[in-house]
Amino acid sequence: MCKQGSRERQVGEKMREALEVNLRDKEGERVSICSA
């Protein structure tokens, strides 16, 4: 049960990192489009 919880936390952290990278990429695209 403890291991399962830690694994779920790891998956959650990876998903959050992916979302943050996604948002950063979208912001970068918006900035490049505005400056173009």
C-alpha atoms as a PDB file:
ATOM      1  CA  MET A   1       0.000   0.000   0.000  1.00  0.00           C
ATOM      2  CA  CYS A   2       2.846   2.387   0.866  1.00  0.00           C
ATOM      3  CA  LYS A   3       4.671   1.528  -2.364  1.00  0.00           C
ATOM      4  CA  GLN A   4       1.515   2.046  -4.400  1.00  0.00           C
ATOM      5  CA  GLY A   5       1.031   5.491  -2.866  1.00  0.00           C
ATOM      6  CA  SER A   6       4.599   6.542  -3.607  1.00  0.00           C
ATOM      7  CA  ARG A   7       4.279   5.262  -7.182  1.00  0.00           C
ATOM      8  CA  GLU A   8       1.074   7.265  -7.647  1.00  0.00           C
ATOM      9  CA  ARG A   9       2.844  10.339  -6.289  1.00  0.00           C
ATOM     10  CA  GLN A  10       5.691   9.808  -8.795  1.00  0.00           C
ATOM     11  CA  VAL A  11       3.184   9.546 -11.651  1.00  0.00           C
ATOM     12  CA  GLY A  12       1.458  12.713 -10.436  1.00  0.00           C
ATOM     13  CA  GLU A  13       4.755  14.585 -10.338  1.00  0.00           C
ATOM     14  CA  LYS A  14       5.615  13.437 -13.883  1.00  0.00           C
ATOM     15  CA  MET A  15       2.184  14.525 -15.127  1.00  0.00           C
ATOM     16  CA  ARG A  16       2.576  17.907 -13.422  1.00  0.00           C
ATOM     17  CA  GLU A  17       6.037  18.339 -14.987  1.00  0.00           C
ATOM     18  CA  ALA A  18       4.620  17.491 -18.420  1.00  0.00           C
ATOM     19  CA  LEU A  19       1.800  20.012 -17.945  1.00  0.00           C
ATOM     20  CA  GLU A  20       4.265  22.720 -16.891  1.00  0.00           C
ATOM     21  CA  VAL A  21       6.430  22.014 -19.951  1.00  0.00           C
ATOM     22  CA  ASN A  22       3.299  22.118 -22.126  1.00  0.00           C
ATOM     23  CA  LEU A  23       2.278  25.511 -20.724  1.00  0.00           C
ATOM     24  CA  ARG A  24       5.819  26.835 -21.146  1.00  0.00           C
ATOM     25  CA  ASP A  25       5.871  25.662 -24.793  1.00  0.00           C
ATOM     26  CA  LYS A  26       2.504  27.341 -25.467  1.00  0.00           C
ATOM     27  CA  GLU A  27       3.724  30.581 -23.882  1.00  0.00           C
ATOM     28  CA  GLY A  28       6.904  30.413 -25.985  1.00  0.00           C
ATOM     29  CA  GLU A  29       4.849  29.902 -29.160  1.00  0.00           C
ATOM     30  CA  ARG A  30       2.626  32.856 -28.277  1.00  0.00           C
ATOM     31  CA  VAL A  31       5.676  35.072 -27.629  1.00  0.00           C
ATOM     32  CA  SER A  32       7.363  34.025 -30.892  1.00  0.00           C
ATOM     33  CA  ILE A  33       4.127  34.671 -32.828  1.00  0.00           C
ATOM     34  CA  CYS A  34       3.744  38.117 -31.228  1.00  0.00           C
ATOM     35  CA  SER A  35       7.363  39.102 -31.928  1.00  0.00           C
ATOM     36  CA  ALA A  36       7.316  37.727 -35.494  1.00  0.00           C
END
